[in-house]
N, C-alpha and C. Protein backbone atom coordinates (compact mmCIF):
# COMPACT_ATOMS: atom_id res chain seq x y z
N UNK A 1 10.55 -12.59 -4.32
CA UNK A 1 10.02 -13.31 -5.46
C UNK A 1 10.76 -12.82 -6.71
N UNK A 2 11.42 -13.70 -7.39
CA UNK A 2 12.12 -13.37 -8.62
C UNK A 2 11.21 -13.70 -9.79
N UNK A 3 10.76 -12.67 -10.50
CA UNK A 3 9.80 -12.86 -11.57
C UNK A 3 10.45 -13.09 -12.93
N UNK A 4 11.75 -12.91 -13.03
CA UNK A 4 12.43 -13.19 -14.30
C UNK A 4 13.69 -13.98 -14.02
N UNK A 5 14.24 -14.57 -15.06
CA UNK A 5 15.43 -15.39 -14.89
C UNK A 5 16.72 -14.60 -14.78
N UNK A 6 16.81 -13.41 -15.37
CA UNK A 6 18.08 -12.71 -15.40
C UNK A 6 18.10 -11.45 -14.53
N UNK A 7 17.10 -10.64 -14.61
CA UNK A 7 17.04 -9.43 -13.81
C UNK A 7 16.07 -9.65 -12.67
N UNK A 8 16.55 -9.39 -11.46
CA UNK A 8 15.68 -9.61 -10.32
C UNK A 8 14.60 -8.54 -10.25
N UNK A 9 13.40 -9.00 -10.14
CA UNK A 9 12.22 -8.15 -9.99
C UNK A 9 11.47 -8.67 -8.78
N UNK A 10 10.96 -7.77 -7.94
CA UNK A 10 10.15 -8.18 -6.80
C UNK A 10 8.81 -7.47 -6.87
N UNK A 11 7.87 -7.97 -6.08
CA UNK A 11 6.55 -7.36 -6.01
C UNK A 11 6.24 -7.04 -4.55
N UNK A 12 5.53 -5.95 -4.36
CA UNK A 12 5.11 -5.53 -3.02
C UNK A 12 3.66 -5.08 -3.10
N UNK A 13 2.94 -5.25 -2.00
CA UNK A 13 1.53 -4.87 -1.95
C UNK A 13 1.29 -3.93 -0.77
N UNK A 14 0.70 -2.77 -1.06
CA UNK A 14 0.45 -1.76 -0.03
C UNK A 14 -0.98 -1.24 -0.11
N UNK A 15 -1.59 -1.04 1.06
CA UNK A 15 -2.91 -0.41 1.16
C UNK A 15 -2.75 0.85 2.01
N UNK A 16 -3.13 1.98 1.45
CA UNK A 16 -2.96 3.27 2.15
C UNK A 16 -4.25 4.10 2.10
N UNK A 17 -5.37 3.43 1.99
CA UNK A 17 -6.63 4.15 1.76
C UNK A 17 -6.95 4.06 0.28
N UNK A 18 -7.49 5.12 -0.27
CA UNK A 18 -7.80 5.15 -1.70
C UNK A 18 -6.53 4.86 -2.50
N UNK A 19 -6.64 3.98 -3.48
CA UNK A 19 -5.43 3.55 -4.19
C UNK A 19 -4.94 4.51 -5.27
N UNK A 20 -5.73 5.49 -5.68
CA UNK A 20 -5.32 6.36 -6.78
C UNK A 20 -4.05 7.15 -6.47
N UNK A 21 -4.05 7.87 -5.37
CA UNK A 21 -2.89 8.70 -5.02
C UNK A 21 -1.67 7.87 -4.68
N UNK A 22 -1.89 6.74 -4.00
CA UNK A 22 -0.76 5.87 -3.64
C UNK A 22 -0.10 5.31 -4.88
N UNK A 23 -0.91 4.91 -5.86
CA UNK A 23 -0.31 4.37 -7.08
C UNK A 23 0.59 5.40 -7.73
N UNK A 24 0.13 6.65 -7.80
CA UNK A 24 0.95 7.70 -8.42
C UNK A 24 2.25 7.91 -7.65
N UNK A 25 2.18 7.93 -6.32
CA UNK A 25 3.40 8.11 -5.52
C UNK A 25 4.41 7.01 -5.83
N UNK A 26 3.94 5.79 -5.93
CA UNK A 26 4.86 4.68 -6.21
C UNK A 26 5.36 4.69 -7.65
N UNK A 27 4.51 4.96 -8.64
CA UNK A 27 4.97 4.88 -10.03
C UNK A 27 6.00 5.96 -10.33
N UNK A 28 6.07 7.01 -9.54
CA UNK A 28 7.04 8.09 -9.77
C UNK A 28 8.43 7.77 -9.22
N UNK A 29 8.57 6.70 -8.47
CA UNK A 29 9.85 6.36 -7.88
C UNK A 29 10.75 5.62 -8.87
N UNK A 30 11.99 6.05 -8.97
CA UNK A 30 12.97 5.36 -9.81
C UNK A 30 13.16 3.94 -9.28
N UNK A 31 13.16 2.98 -10.18
CA UNK A 31 13.32 1.58 -9.81
C UNK A 31 12.00 0.83 -9.76
N UNK A 32 10.89 1.57 -9.77
CA UNK A 32 9.58 0.92 -9.86
C UNK A 32 9.30 0.66 -11.33
N UNK A 33 9.05 -0.59 -11.65
CA UNK A 33 8.86 -1.03 -13.04
C UNK A 33 7.41 -0.87 -13.47
N UNK A 34 6.49 -1.22 -12.58
CA UNK A 34 5.07 -1.20 -12.91
C UNK A 34 4.25 -1.09 -11.63
N UNK A 35 3.12 -0.45 -11.75
CA UNK A 35 2.15 -0.42 -10.66
C UNK A 35 0.78 -0.78 -11.23
N UNK A 36 -0.06 -1.29 -10.37
CA UNK A 36 -1.46 -1.49 -10.70
C UNK A 36 -2.24 -1.41 -9.40
N UNK A 37 -3.53 -1.24 -9.52
CA UNK A 37 -4.37 -1.18 -8.33
C UNK A 37 -5.36 -2.33 -8.36
N UNK A 38 -5.74 -2.76 -7.16
CA UNK A 38 -6.67 -3.87 -7.05
C UNK A 38 -7.16 -4.04 -5.64
N UNK A 39 -7.59 -5.26 -5.36
CA UNK A 39 -8.21 -5.57 -4.07
C UNK A 39 -7.55 -6.81 -3.49
N UNK A 40 -7.39 -6.83 -2.17
CA UNK A 40 -6.70 -7.94 -1.53
C UNK A 40 -7.11 -8.00 -0.07
N UNK A 41 -7.00 -9.19 0.51
CA UNK A 41 -7.20 -9.32 1.95
C UNK A 41 -8.63 -9.59 2.38
N UNK A 42 -9.49 -9.93 1.45
CA UNK A 42 -10.89 -10.18 1.79
C UNK A 42 -11.35 -11.55 1.34
N UNK A 43 -12.66 -11.73 1.38
CA UNK A 43 -13.28 -13.00 0.99
C UNK A 43 -14.02 -12.82 -0.33
N UNK A 44 -14.07 -13.89 -1.08
CA UNK A 44 -14.77 -13.86 -2.36
C UNK A 44 -13.80 -13.65 -3.50
N UNK A 45 -14.20 -14.12 -4.67
CA UNK A 45 -13.34 -14.06 -5.84
C UNK A 45 -13.70 -12.89 -6.74
N UNK A 46 -12.65 -12.30 -7.31
CA UNK A 46 -12.79 -11.26 -8.31
C UNK A 46 -13.82 -10.19 -7.93
N UNK A 47 -13.63 -9.54 -6.78
CA UNK A 47 -14.62 -8.56 -6.33
C UNK A 47 -14.63 -7.32 -7.23
N UNK A 48 -15.78 -6.72 -7.33
CA UNK A 48 -15.91 -5.46 -8.06
C UNK A 48 -15.73 -4.31 -7.09
N UNK A 49 -15.47 -3.13 -7.62
CA UNK A 49 -15.36 -1.93 -6.79
C UNK A 49 -16.63 -1.74 -5.97
N UNK A 50 -17.77 -1.93 -6.59
CA UNK A 50 -19.05 -1.76 -5.89
C UNK A 50 -19.17 -2.74 -4.73
N UNK A 51 -18.75 -3.99 -4.92
CA UNK A 51 -18.80 -4.99 -3.84
C UNK A 51 -17.84 -4.62 -2.72
N UNK A 52 -16.64 -4.21 -3.07
CA UNK A 52 -15.64 -3.84 -2.07
C UNK A 52 -16.15 -2.66 -1.24
N UNK A 53 -16.78 -1.69 -1.90
CA UNK A 53 -17.28 -0.50 -1.21
C UNK A 53 -18.38 -0.79 -0.19
N UNK A 54 -19.04 -1.93 -0.31
CA UNK A 54 -20.07 -2.27 0.68
C UNK A 54 -19.44 -2.66 2.01
N UNK A 55 -18.16 -3.05 2.00
CA UNK A 55 -17.49 -3.52 3.20
C UNK A 55 -17.72 -4.98 3.49
N UNK A 56 -18.62 -5.62 2.77
CA UNK A 56 -18.95 -7.02 3.05
C UNK A 56 -17.85 -8.00 2.61
N UNK A 57 -17.02 -7.63 1.64
CA UNK A 57 -15.97 -8.55 1.18
C UNK A 57 -14.72 -8.44 2.04
N UNK A 58 -14.55 -7.34 2.74
CA UNK A 58 -13.38 -7.05 3.58
C UNK A 58 -12.08 -6.91 2.78
N UNK A 59 -12.16 -6.67 1.48
CA UNK A 59 -10.96 -6.41 0.69
C UNK A 59 -10.48 -4.98 0.96
N UNK A 60 -9.19 -4.80 0.89
CA UNK A 60 -8.59 -3.47 0.96
C UNK A 60 -8.25 -3.01 -0.45
N UNK A 61 -8.28 -1.71 -0.67
CA UNK A 61 -7.78 -1.16 -1.93
C UNK A 61 -6.26 -1.23 -1.88
N UNK A 62 -5.66 -1.90 -2.85
CA UNK A 62 -4.23 -2.24 -2.85
C UNK A 62 -3.51 -1.64 -4.05
N UNK A 63 -2.26 -1.26 -3.82
CA UNK A 63 -1.36 -0.94 -4.92
C UNK A 63 -0.33 -2.06 -5.02
N UNK A 64 -0.25 -2.67 -6.18
CA UNK A 64 0.77 -3.66 -6.47
C UNK A 64 1.94 -2.92 -7.09
N UNK A 65 3.13 -3.12 -6.51
CA UNK A 65 4.33 -2.41 -6.95
C UNK A 65 5.36 -3.44 -7.40
N UNK A 66 5.68 -3.44 -8.68
CA UNK A 66 6.75 -4.30 -9.21
C UNK A 66 7.99 -3.42 -9.29
N UNK A 67 9.09 -3.90 -8.68
CA UNK A 67 10.28 -3.06 -8.59
C UNK A 67 11.56 -3.87 -8.75
N UNK A 68 12.63 -3.14 -9.09
CA UNK A 68 13.95 -3.75 -9.21
C UNK A 68 14.73 -3.41 -7.94
N UNK A 69 14.97 -4.41 -7.07
CA UNK A 69 15.63 -4.13 -5.80
C UNK A 69 17.08 -3.63 -5.93
N UNK A 70 17.68 -3.81 -7.11
CA UNK A 70 19.02 -3.25 -7.31
C UNK A 70 18.95 -1.75 -7.59
N UNK A 71 17.74 -1.23 -7.88
CA UNK A 71 17.55 0.20 -8.15
C UNK A 71 16.80 0.91 -7.03
N UNK A 72 15.90 0.21 -6.35
CA UNK A 72 15.15 0.77 -5.22
C UNK A 72 14.91 -0.36 -4.23
N UNK A 73 15.19 -0.10 -2.99
CA UNK A 73 15.04 -1.14 -1.98
C UNK A 73 13.59 -1.23 -1.50
N UNK A 74 13.24 -2.40 -0.98
CA UNK A 74 11.93 -2.56 -0.36
C UNK A 74 11.80 -1.60 0.82
N UNK A 75 12.89 -1.40 1.54
CA UNK A 75 12.86 -0.44 2.65
C UNK A 75 12.47 0.96 2.17
N UNK A 76 13.01 1.38 1.03
CA UNK A 76 12.66 2.71 0.50
C UNK A 76 11.17 2.78 0.17
N UNK A 77 10.61 1.70 -0.37
CA UNK A 77 9.17 1.66 -0.64
C UNK A 77 8.39 1.77 0.67
N UNK A 78 8.87 1.08 1.71
CA UNK A 78 8.22 1.17 3.01
C UNK A 78 8.29 2.58 3.59
N UNK A 79 9.42 3.24 3.45
CA UNK A 79 9.55 4.62 3.94
C UNK A 79 8.51 5.51 3.27
N UNK A 80 8.31 5.31 1.99
CA UNK A 80 7.30 6.08 1.25
C UNK A 80 5.90 5.72 1.76
N UNK A 81 5.66 4.43 1.95
CA UNK A 81 4.38 3.94 2.45
C UNK A 81 4.00 4.62 3.77
N UNK A 82 4.91 4.63 4.74
CA UNK A 82 4.58 5.13 6.07
C UNK A 82 4.18 6.61 6.05
N UNK A 83 4.81 7.41 5.18
CA UNK A 83 4.53 8.86 5.21
C UNK A 83 3.44 9.30 4.24
N UNK A 84 2.99 8.43 3.33
CA UNK A 84 2.00 8.85 2.34
C UNK A 84 0.57 8.75 2.84
N UNK A 85 0.39 8.24 4.06
CA UNK A 85 -0.95 8.13 4.64
C UNK A 85 -0.84 8.18 6.15
N UNK A 86 -1.95 8.09 6.83
CA UNK A 86 -1.94 8.08 8.29
C UNK A 86 -2.18 6.64 8.76
N UNK A 87 -1.10 5.94 9.15
CA UNK A 87 -1.25 4.54 9.55
C UNK A 87 -1.83 4.36 10.95
N UNK A 88 -2.22 5.46 11.58
CA UNK A 88 -2.79 5.37 12.94
C UNK A 88 -4.31 5.41 12.95
N UNK A 89 -4.93 5.56 11.78
CA UNK A 89 -6.39 5.60 11.73
C UNK A 89 -6.92 4.27 11.22
N UNK A 90 -7.84 3.70 11.95
CA UNK A 90 -8.38 2.39 11.61
C UNK A 90 -9.50 2.53 10.59
N UNK A 91 -9.31 1.87 9.44
CA UNK A 91 -10.35 1.83 8.40
C UNK A 91 -10.79 3.23 7.96
N UNK A 92 -9.81 4.13 7.87
CA UNK A 92 -10.14 5.50 7.50
C UNK A 92 -8.88 6.22 7.03
N UNK A 93 -9.03 7.01 5.97
CA UNK A 93 -8.00 7.94 5.52
C UNK A 93 -8.71 9.21 5.10
N UNK A 94 -8.50 10.27 5.85
CA UNK A 94 -9.20 11.52 5.55
C UNK A 94 -10.70 11.28 5.60
N UNK A 95 -11.40 11.69 4.53
CA UNK A 95 -12.83 11.51 4.46
C UNK A 95 -13.28 10.15 3.98
N UNK A 96 -12.33 9.29 3.60
CA UNK A 96 -12.66 7.96 3.12
C UNK A 96 -12.75 7.00 4.30
N UNK A 97 -13.92 6.41 4.50
CA UNK A 97 -14.15 5.55 5.66
C UNK A 97 -14.66 4.19 5.21
N UNK A 98 -14.11 3.13 5.80
CA UNK A 98 -14.52 1.76 5.51
C UNK A 98 -13.32 0.84 5.53
N UNK A 99 -13.57 -0.46 5.66
CA UNK A 99 -12.47 -1.43 5.73
C UNK A 99 -11.61 -1.42 4.47
N UNK A 100 -12.18 -1.02 3.34
CA UNK A 100 -11.40 -0.98 2.10
C UNK A 100 -10.33 0.09 2.14
N UNK A 101 -10.43 1.03 3.08
CA UNK A 101 -9.46 2.12 3.20
C UNK A 101 -8.45 1.90 4.33
N UNK A 102 -8.36 0.67 4.82
CA UNK A 102 -7.43 0.39 5.91
C UNK A 102 -5.98 0.45 5.43
N UNK A 103 -5.11 0.59 6.38
CA UNK A 103 -3.67 0.56 6.14
C UNK A 103 -3.20 -0.89 6.25
N UNK A 104 -2.50 -1.38 5.22
CA UNK A 104 -2.05 -2.77 5.24
C UNK A 104 -0.82 -2.96 4.36
N UNK A 105 -0.03 -3.95 4.74
CA UNK A 105 1.11 -4.40 3.96
C UNK A 105 0.99 -5.91 3.84
N UNK A 106 0.99 -6.41 2.61
CA UNK A 106 0.99 -7.85 2.37
C UNK A 106 2.37 -8.19 1.80
N UNK A 107 3.13 -8.95 2.55
CA UNK A 107 4.53 -9.23 2.19
C UNK A 107 4.64 -10.49 1.34
N UNK A 108 5.66 -10.51 0.48
CA UNK A 108 5.86 -11.65 -0.41
C UNK A 108 7.07 -12.50 -0.05
N UNK A 109 7.74 -12.17 1.07
CA UNK A 109 8.88 -12.97 1.53
C UNK A 109 9.09 -12.71 3.01
N UNK A 110 9.85 -13.60 3.65
CA UNK A 110 10.19 -13.39 5.06
C UNK A 110 11.00 -12.11 5.24
N UNK A 111 11.86 -11.80 4.26
CA UNK A 111 12.66 -10.59 4.34
C UNK A 111 11.76 -9.35 4.31
N UNK A 112 10.75 -9.35 3.44
CA UNK A 112 9.83 -8.22 3.41
C UNK A 112 9.08 -8.10 4.73
N UNK A 113 8.65 -9.21 5.29
CA UNK A 113 7.94 -9.17 6.57
C UNK A 113 8.82 -8.56 7.66
N UNK A 114 10.06 -8.99 7.75
CA UNK A 114 10.96 -8.46 8.78
C UNK A 114 11.21 -6.96 8.57
N UNK A 115 11.39 -6.55 7.34
CA UNK A 115 11.63 -5.13 7.04
C UNK A 115 10.38 -4.29 7.35
N UNK A 116 9.20 -4.82 7.03
CA UNK A 116 7.96 -4.11 7.35
C UNK A 116 7.82 -3.91 8.85
N UNK A 117 8.09 -4.95 9.62
CA UNK A 117 7.99 -4.84 11.08
C UNK A 117 9.05 -3.90 11.65
N UNK A 118 10.25 -3.95 11.10
CA UNK A 118 11.33 -3.07 11.59
C UNK A 118 11.02 -1.60 11.30
N UNK A 119 10.55 -1.30 10.09
CA UNK A 119 10.25 0.10 9.77
C UNK A 119 9.01 0.58 10.52
N UNK A 120 8.09 -0.32 10.80
CA UNK A 120 6.93 0.06 11.62
C UNK A 120 7.41 0.51 13.00
N UNK A 121 8.32 -0.23 13.60
CA UNK A 121 8.84 0.12 14.93
C UNK A 121 9.55 1.48 14.89
N UNK A 122 10.33 1.71 13.84
CA UNK A 122 11.03 3.00 13.71
C UNK A 122 10.01 4.13 13.59
N UNK A 123 9.03 3.96 12.71
CA UNK A 123 8.06 5.03 12.49
C UNK A 123 7.18 5.23 13.73
N UNK A 124 6.85 4.15 14.42
CA UNK A 124 6.06 4.28 15.65
C UNK A 124 6.81 5.13 16.68
N UNK A 125 8.12 4.94 16.79
CA UNK A 125 8.87 5.74 17.76
C UNK A 125 8.87 7.21 17.38
N UNK A 126 8.91 7.50 16.09
CA UNK A 126 8.84 8.90 15.64
C UNK A 126 7.46 9.49 15.91
N UNK A 127 6.41 8.71 15.68
CA UNK A 127 5.05 9.19 15.95
C UNK A 127 4.83 9.40 17.44
N UNK A 128 5.30 8.47 18.24
CA UNK A 128 5.16 8.58 19.70
C UNK A 128 5.83 9.85 20.22
N UNK A 129 6.99 10.15 19.68
CA UNK A 129 7.71 11.37 20.08
C UNK A 129 6.92 12.63 19.76
N UNK A 130 6.03 12.55 18.77
CA UNK A 130 5.19 13.68 18.38
C UNK A 130 3.81 13.65 19.05
N UNK A 131 3.61 12.67 19.93
CA UNK A 131 2.33 12.56 20.63
C UNK A 131 1.23 11.95 19.80
N UNK A 132 1.59 11.20 18.76
CA UNK A 132 0.61 10.57 17.88
C UNK A 132 0.47 9.11 18.30
N UNK A 133 -0.75 8.60 18.24
CA UNK A 133 -1.09 7.26 18.72
C UNK A 133 -0.47 6.12 17.95
N UNK A 134 -0.91 4.91 18.29
CA UNK A 134 -0.30 3.70 17.72
C UNK A 134 -0.67 3.44 16.26
N UNK A 135 0.28 2.85 15.57
CA UNK A 135 0.06 2.39 14.20
C UNK A 135 -0.88 1.20 14.23
N UNK A 136 -1.88 1.20 13.35
CA UNK A 136 -2.86 0.11 13.28
C UNK A 136 -2.73 -0.69 11.97
N UNK A 137 -1.66 -0.50 11.25
CA UNK A 137 -1.44 -1.15 9.96
C UNK A 137 -1.44 -2.67 10.10
N UNK A 138 -2.21 -3.32 9.25
CA UNK A 138 -2.22 -4.78 9.15
C UNK A 138 -0.98 -5.18 8.38
N UNK A 139 -0.17 -6.07 8.95
CA UNK A 139 1.02 -6.58 8.26
C UNK A 139 0.95 -8.10 8.29
N UNK A 140 0.89 -8.69 7.10
CA UNK A 140 0.86 -10.15 7.03
C UNK A 140 1.32 -10.63 5.66
N UNK A 141 1.56 -11.91 5.58
CA UNK A 141 2.02 -12.52 4.34
C UNK A 141 0.92 -12.46 3.27
N UNK A 142 1.37 -12.24 2.05
CA UNK A 142 0.45 -12.26 0.90
C UNK A 142 0.11 -13.69 0.48
N UNK A 143 0.81 -14.67 1.03
CA UNK A 143 0.66 -16.06 0.57
C UNK A 143 -0.77 -16.57 0.59
N UNK A 144 -1.55 -16.18 1.58
CA UNK A 144 -2.91 -16.71 1.68
C UNK A 144 -3.95 -15.78 1.05
N UNK A 145 -3.48 -14.77 0.33
CA UNK A 145 -4.38 -13.79 -0.28
C UNK A 145 -4.14 -13.70 -1.78
N UNK A 146 -5.19 -13.47 -2.52
CA UNK A 146 -5.08 -13.27 -3.97
C UNK A 146 -5.23 -11.78 -4.25
N UNK A 147 -4.38 -11.28 -5.12
CA UNK A 147 -4.50 -9.89 -5.60
C UNK A 147 -5.43 -9.90 -6.80
N UNK A 148 -6.53 -9.19 -6.67
CA UNK A 148 -7.51 -9.08 -7.75
C UNK A 148 -7.38 -7.71 -8.39
N UNK A 149 -6.95 -7.60 -9.64
CA UNK A 149 -6.84 -6.29 -10.29
C UNK A 149 -8.19 -5.57 -10.31
N UNK A 150 -8.14 -4.27 -10.07
CA UNK A 150 -9.34 -3.44 -10.13
C UNK A 150 -9.73 -3.20 -11.58
N UNK A 151 -10.89 -2.64 -11.76
CA UNK A 151 -11.41 -2.32 -13.08
C UNK A 151 -10.46 -1.37 -13.81
N UNK A 152 -10.47 -1.43 -15.12
CA UNK A 152 -9.54 -0.65 -15.94
C UNK A 152 -9.62 0.85 -15.64
N UNK A 153 -10.79 1.40 -15.39
CA UNK A 153 -10.88 2.84 -15.17
C UNK A 153 -10.16 3.30 -13.91
N UNK A 154 -9.83 2.36 -12.99
CA UNK A 154 -9.06 2.70 -11.79
C UNK A 154 -7.55 2.68 -12.06
N UNK A 155 -7.11 1.94 -13.07
CA UNK A 155 -5.67 1.79 -13.35
C UNK A 155 -5.09 3.13 -13.81
N UNK A 156 -4.01 3.56 -13.16
CA UNK A 156 -3.33 4.83 -13.49
C UNK A 156 -4.36 5.97 -13.55
N UNK A 157 -5.30 5.95 -12.63
CA UNK A 157 -6.41 6.92 -12.64
C UNK A 157 -5.92 8.36 -12.69
N UNK A 158 -4.90 8.69 -11.90
CA UNK A 158 -4.44 10.08 -11.87
C UNK A 158 -3.59 10.46 -13.08
N UNK A 159 -3.14 9.49 -13.86
CA UNK A 159 -2.51 9.81 -15.16
C UNK A 159 -3.60 10.18 -16.15
N UNK A 160 -4.72 9.48 -16.08
CA UNK A 160 -5.86 9.76 -16.96
C UNK A 160 -6.63 11.01 -16.53
N UNK A 161 -6.59 11.30 -15.23
CA UNK A 161 -7.33 12.42 -14.64
C UNK A 161 -6.39 13.20 -13.73
N UNK A 162 -5.47 13.99 -14.31
CA UNK A 162 -4.42 14.66 -13.52
C UNK A 162 -4.94 15.53 -12.38
N UNK A 163 -6.13 16.05 -12.50
CA UNK A 163 -6.69 16.87 -11.43
C UNK A 163 -7.66 16.09 -10.56
N UNK A 164 -7.60 14.76 -10.65
CA UNK A 164 -8.51 13.90 -9.88
C UNK A 164 -8.19 13.90 -8.40
N UNK A 165 -9.08 13.29 -7.66
CA UNK A 165 -9.00 13.19 -6.21
C UNK A 165 -7.82 12.33 -5.80
N UNK A 166 -6.88 12.91 -5.05
CA UNK A 166 -5.67 12.20 -4.62
C UNK A 166 -5.91 11.36 -3.37
N UNK A 167 -6.84 11.74 -2.55
CA UNK A 167 -7.33 10.90 -1.45
C UNK A 167 -6.47 10.83 -0.19
N UNK A 168 -5.30 11.38 -0.15
CA UNK A 168 -4.44 11.05 0.97
C UNK A 168 -4.32 12.11 2.06
N UNK A 169 -4.24 11.58 3.26
CA UNK A 169 -3.93 12.38 4.44
C UNK A 169 -2.60 11.86 4.95
N UNK A 170 -2.05 12.50 5.95
CA UNK A 170 -0.74 12.11 6.46
C UNK A 170 -0.62 12.53 7.91
N UNK A 171 0.33 11.93 8.61
CA UNK A 171 0.61 12.36 9.98
C UNK A 171 1.46 13.63 9.97
N UNK A 172 2.12 13.90 8.84
CA UNK A 172 3.04 15.03 8.78
C UNK A 172 4.40 14.74 9.38
N UNK A 173 4.62 13.50 9.79
CA UNK A 173 5.89 13.12 10.41
C UNK A 173 6.75 12.42 9.36
N UNK A 174 7.95 12.95 9.13
CA UNK A 174 8.87 12.36 8.16
C UNK A 174 9.45 11.05 8.69
N UNK A 175 9.80 10.15 7.80
CA UNK A 175 10.47 8.90 8.20
C UNK A 175 11.96 9.20 8.28
N UNK A 176 12.49 9.11 9.49
CA UNK A 176 13.94 9.31 9.70
C UNK A 176 14.48 8.08 10.40
N UNK A 177 15.34 7.33 9.73
CA UNK A 177 15.88 6.11 10.37
C UNK A 177 16.73 6.40 11.59
């Protein structure tokens, strides 16, 4: 998706459990222009954090990543995605449990979909070699889903609260192509 006429900008959507720590990991990467957190992949319009936490809307906590592909590739974002959480746990990251904490990638192009599937296969082979189970990450097109920005107090939460809860667990397995 080209969001400007002269400089190519793309958008990516990732769910890695709680969105606070993931947003910080992405905003620190060179080539990332902007990040925000929100909800995606569920039913109902403009859900609130409280509604999402009930599990009834089925929205995931999402990080929206706007990036310049000439400075950082979508593949590099995916490499960061796979190692910043445990993609083998269903609806759970560490102590955070519920469908809103699922692992998911919502792609904005066929190229992103193919890259997501390819890097999943690479990372699965690395996990399998370490005796770790299957990846359960939901991977699908963003076309049929709306990204709903989260409440302002969630945006850049760890910039506002540097000692706040980072939320992330990991398999401990590095992404090696």
